[in-house]
Every structure is written in C-alpha cells, then in structure tokens.
N, C-alpha and C. Protein backbone atom coordinates (compact mmCIF):
# COMPACT_ATOMS: atom_id res chain seq x y z
N ILE A 1 0.86 -1.18 0.00
CA ILE A 1 0.00 0.00 0.00
C ILE A 1 0.89 1.23 0.00
N SER A 2 0.66 2.11 -0.96
CA SER A 2 1.45 3.34 -0.99
C SER A 2 0.66 4.47 -0.36
N GLU A 3 1.37 5.35 0.30
CA GLU A 3 0.74 6.50 0.93
C GLU A 3 0.60 7.62 -0.09
N PHE A 4 -0.47 8.39 0.02
CA PHE A 4 -0.68 9.52 -0.87
C PHE A 4 0.46 10.51 -0.69
N GLY A 5 1.00 10.99 -1.80
CA GLY A 5 2.08 11.96 -1.74
C GLY A 5 3.46 11.34 -1.72
N VAL A 6 3.55 10.02 -1.56
CA VAL A 6 4.83 9.34 -1.55
C VAL A 6 5.08 8.80 -2.95
N SER A 7 6.27 9.02 -3.46
CA SER A 7 6.59 8.56 -4.81
C SER A 7 7.83 7.69 -4.78
N MET A 8 7.90 6.78 -5.71
CA MET A 8 9.05 5.89 -5.84
C MET A 8 10.08 6.45 -6.80
N PHE A 9 9.75 7.54 -7.49
CA PHE A 9 10.66 8.04 -8.52
C PHE A 9 10.51 9.53 -8.73
N ASP A 10 11.54 10.10 -9.36
CA ASP A 10 11.52 11.50 -9.76
C ASP A 10 11.76 11.57 -11.25
N VAL A 11 11.22 12.61 -11.88
CA VAL A 11 11.43 12.87 -13.30
C VAL A 11 12.05 14.25 -13.41
N TYR A 12 13.22 14.34 -14.05
CA TYR A 12 13.88 15.63 -14.19
C TYR A 12 14.66 15.69 -15.48
N PRO A 13 14.93 16.82 -16.10
CA PRO A 13 14.34 18.11 -15.71
C PRO A 13 12.85 18.14 -16.04
N ASN A 14 12.14 18.92 -15.31
CA ASN A 14 10.70 19.03 -15.53
C ASN A 14 10.29 20.47 -15.22
N PRO A 15 9.96 21.26 -16.22
CA PRO A 15 9.66 20.91 -17.61
C PRO A 15 10.91 20.49 -18.40
N SER A 16 10.65 19.77 -19.49
CA SER A 16 11.69 19.19 -20.31
C SER A 16 11.47 19.56 -21.77
N LEU A 17 12.53 19.45 -22.56
CA LEU A 17 12.40 19.63 -24.01
C LEU A 17 12.12 18.29 -24.69
N GLY A 18 11.95 17.23 -23.92
CA GLY A 18 11.64 15.93 -24.45
C GLY A 18 12.59 14.85 -23.98
N SER A 19 13.74 15.24 -23.50
CA SER A 19 14.72 14.30 -22.96
C SER A 19 14.74 14.47 -21.45
N PHE A 20 14.54 13.37 -20.72
CA PHE A 20 14.48 13.47 -19.27
C PHE A 20 15.03 12.20 -18.64
N THR A 21 15.26 12.26 -17.34
CA THR A 21 15.79 11.13 -16.58
C THR A 21 14.77 10.69 -15.55
N ILE A 22 14.62 9.37 -15.42
CA ILE A 22 13.80 8.79 -14.36
C ILE A 22 14.76 8.27 -13.29
N SER A 23 14.59 8.76 -12.08
CA SER A 23 15.45 8.38 -10.96
C SER A 23 14.61 7.57 -9.96
N LEU A 24 14.98 6.31 -9.77
CA LEU A 24 14.26 5.43 -8.85
C LEU A 24 14.81 5.57 -7.43
N GLU A 25 13.91 5.52 -6.44
CA GLU A 25 14.35 5.57 -5.05
C GLU A 25 14.79 4.20 -4.56
N GLU A 26 14.34 3.14 -5.20
CA GLU A 26 14.81 1.80 -4.87
C GLU A 26 14.90 0.99 -6.17
N THR A 27 15.84 0.09 -6.22
CA THR A 27 16.04 -0.68 -7.43
C THR A 27 15.03 -1.82 -7.51
N GLY A 28 14.79 -2.26 -8.72
CA GLY A 28 13.84 -3.32 -9.00
C GLY A 28 13.42 -3.19 -10.45
N GLU A 29 12.56 -4.09 -10.89
CA GLU A 29 12.10 -4.02 -12.28
C GLU A 29 10.73 -3.34 -12.31
N PHE A 30 10.63 -2.28 -13.10
CA PHE A 30 9.41 -1.50 -13.19
C PHE A 30 9.02 -1.29 -14.65
N ALA A 31 7.73 -1.29 -14.91
CA ALA A 31 7.21 -0.94 -16.23
C ALA A 31 6.95 0.56 -16.23
N VAL A 32 7.43 1.24 -17.27
CA VAL A 32 7.25 2.69 -17.39
C VAL A 32 6.38 2.97 -18.59
N SER A 33 5.40 3.87 -18.43
CA SER A 33 4.56 4.33 -19.53
C SER A 33 4.47 5.84 -19.47
N VAL A 34 4.51 6.48 -20.63
CA VAL A 34 4.27 7.92 -20.73
C VAL A 34 2.97 8.08 -21.50
N ILE A 35 2.02 8.80 -20.91
CA ILE A 35 0.67 8.91 -21.45
C ILE A 35 0.35 10.38 -21.70
N ASN A 36 -0.21 10.67 -22.89
CA ASN A 36 -0.54 12.06 -23.23
C ASN A 36 -1.89 12.46 -22.63
N ALA A 37 -2.30 13.70 -22.86
CA ALA A 37 -3.53 14.23 -22.27
C ALA A 37 -4.78 13.55 -22.81
N LEU A 38 -4.68 12.87 -23.96
CA LEU A 38 -5.82 12.14 -24.52
C LEU A 38 -5.91 10.72 -24.01
N GLY A 39 -4.96 10.32 -23.15
CA GLY A 39 -4.96 8.98 -22.60
C GLY A 39 -4.24 7.97 -23.48
N GLN A 40 -3.53 8.45 -24.51
CA GLN A 40 -2.80 7.55 -25.40
C GLN A 40 -1.39 7.32 -24.86
N THR A 41 -0.96 6.08 -24.89
CA THR A 41 0.40 5.74 -24.45
C THR A 41 1.37 6.08 -25.58
N VAL A 42 2.34 6.93 -25.29
CA VAL A 42 3.31 7.35 -26.31
C VAL A 42 4.68 6.71 -26.11
N TYR A 43 4.88 6.05 -24.95
CA TYR A 43 6.17 5.40 -24.68
C TYR A 43 5.96 4.33 -23.63
N THR A 44 6.59 3.18 -23.81
CA THR A 44 6.61 2.14 -22.79
C THR A 44 8.00 1.51 -22.76
N ASP A 45 8.39 1.03 -21.59
CA ASP A 45 9.67 0.35 -21.44
C ASP A 45 9.67 -0.36 -20.09
N ILE A 46 10.63 -1.25 -19.92
CA ILE A 46 10.88 -1.89 -18.63
C ILE A 46 12.23 -1.37 -18.17
N ILE A 47 12.28 -0.85 -16.95
CA ILE A 47 13.54 -0.33 -16.42
C ILE A 47 13.91 -1.09 -15.15
N ASP A 48 15.22 -1.17 -14.90
CA ASP A 48 15.69 -1.85 -13.69
C ASP A 48 16.95 -1.21 -13.12
N SER A 49 17.25 0.01 -13.56
CA SER A 49 18.42 0.70 -13.01
C SER A 49 17.97 1.97 -12.28
N GLU A 50 18.86 2.47 -11.43
CA GLU A 50 18.51 3.62 -10.59
C GLU A 50 18.24 4.88 -11.41
N PHE A 51 18.97 5.05 -12.52
CA PHE A 51 18.78 6.21 -13.40
C PHE A 51 18.56 5.73 -14.83
N THR A 52 17.49 6.19 -15.47
CA THR A 52 17.18 5.83 -16.84
C THR A 52 16.90 7.09 -17.63
N LYS A 53 17.63 7.28 -18.74
CA LYS A 53 17.39 8.44 -19.60
C LYS A 53 16.39 8.05 -20.68
N VAL A 54 15.43 8.94 -20.92
CA VAL A 54 14.39 8.73 -21.93
C VAL A 54 14.44 9.92 -22.88
N ASN A 55 14.43 9.63 -24.18
CA ASN A 55 14.45 10.69 -25.18
C ASN A 55 13.14 10.66 -25.97
N LEU A 56 12.27 11.62 -25.69
CA LEU A 56 11.00 11.75 -26.39
C LEU A 56 10.95 13.09 -27.11
N SER A 57 12.09 13.54 -27.62
CA SER A 57 12.15 14.87 -28.24
C SER A 57 11.29 14.99 -29.49
N GLY A 58 10.80 13.89 -30.04
CA GLY A 58 9.96 13.94 -31.23
C GLY A 58 8.48 14.09 -30.96
N ILE A 59 8.07 14.11 -29.68
CA ILE A 59 6.64 14.19 -29.38
C ILE A 59 6.21 15.64 -29.19
N SER A 60 4.91 15.87 -29.27
CA SER A 60 4.34 17.21 -29.17
C SER A 60 4.50 17.81 -27.79
N LYS A 61 4.52 19.14 -27.74
CA LYS A 61 4.53 19.85 -26.47
C LYS A 61 3.25 19.55 -25.72
N GLY A 62 3.32 19.52 -24.41
CA GLY A 62 2.12 19.31 -23.62
C GLY A 62 2.42 18.72 -22.26
N ILE A 63 1.35 18.32 -21.59
CA ILE A 63 1.45 17.73 -20.26
C ILE A 63 1.23 16.22 -20.41
N TYR A 64 2.15 15.45 -19.84
CA TYR A 64 2.12 14.00 -19.92
C TYR A 64 2.13 13.41 -18.51
N THR A 65 1.69 12.19 -18.39
CA THR A 65 1.76 11.46 -17.14
C THR A 65 2.77 10.33 -17.31
N VAL A 66 3.72 10.26 -16.38
CA VAL A 66 4.68 9.16 -16.36
C VAL A 66 4.20 8.18 -15.30
N GLU A 67 3.92 6.94 -15.72
CA GLU A 67 3.46 5.91 -14.79
C GLU A 67 4.56 4.88 -14.60
N LEU A 68 4.77 4.51 -13.35
CA LEU A 68 5.74 3.49 -12.98
C LEU A 68 4.98 2.42 -12.23
N SER A 69 5.05 1.18 -12.71
CA SER A 69 4.29 0.13 -12.05
C SER A 69 5.13 -1.12 -11.82
N SER A 70 4.80 -1.81 -10.76
CA SER A 70 5.42 -3.08 -10.41
C SER A 70 4.37 -3.90 -9.69
N GLY A 71 3.98 -5.01 -10.30
CA GLY A 71 2.91 -5.81 -9.71
C GLY A 71 1.62 -5.03 -9.71
N ASP A 72 1.00 -4.87 -8.55
CA ASP A 72 -0.26 -4.14 -8.46
C ASP A 72 -0.09 -2.74 -7.89
N VAL A 73 1.15 -2.25 -7.86
CA VAL A 73 1.44 -0.92 -7.34
C VAL A 73 1.72 0.02 -8.51
N LEU A 74 1.10 1.21 -8.49
CA LEU A 74 1.25 2.18 -9.56
C LEU A 74 1.60 3.54 -8.97
N TYR A 75 2.66 4.15 -9.50
CA TYR A 75 3.06 5.50 -9.10
C TYR A 75 2.99 6.39 -10.33
N THR A 76 2.65 7.66 -10.15
CA THR A 76 2.55 8.58 -11.29
C THR A 76 3.24 9.90 -10.97
N GLU A 77 3.77 10.52 -12.01
CA GLU A 77 4.34 11.85 -11.92
C GLU A 77 3.89 12.61 -13.17
N LYS A 78 3.71 13.92 -13.04
CA LYS A 78 3.37 14.76 -14.17
C LYS A 78 4.66 15.22 -14.85
N LEU A 79 4.66 15.26 -16.19
CA LEU A 79 5.80 15.71 -16.97
C LEU A 79 5.33 16.75 -17.98
N ILE A 80 6.01 17.86 -18.05
CA ILE A 80 5.68 18.91 -19.02
C ILE A 80 6.75 18.92 -20.09
N ILE A 81 6.34 18.78 -21.35
CA ILE A 81 7.24 18.86 -22.50
C ILE A 81 7.04 20.22 -23.14
N GLU A 82 8.11 20.99 -23.24
CA GLU A 82 8.03 22.34 -23.82
C GLU A 82 8.52 22.34 -25.26
C-alpha cells in the first residue's frame, strides 16, 4: 500500500524539451509508460536501473503522465514537454 504523496521516482528536468531522466528511489524491475492528455500511451519500457534516460524529443509539447508500475502498485508523476 502506498501512501498519498509518496513517490518511488523523480522525473527531471521538468519541464523538459523531451529528454528526461527517471530516478528510482529503490532498485527493481518496473514498467514505465508515458501517457498524453488524450490517454494515449506514447512510450513504454521496462527499467531496472537507478537512473534511466528517456528521449521523447519527437513528441508534441504538452502535459504527460509518467506511470511506474510493479505488480499491483502504480506511481505517477506529471511531466511537461516544452
């Protein structure tokens, strides 16, 4: 059970020009999805390192949701692409 306001990861820089880093607070295997404002998934991957660089410089400007999941636990962060 995760507590409200507690996150397993950080996304920086935020806002971003499309290239950003996901920093995990604990190691493990996590599924990552980036979802646009229309609910469409624009990126998916499996990560297992403390720092993962993602390059989405080809996508449109806007507000995206970065979802990190493992088993039945889901964490989210907002990402702004300028």
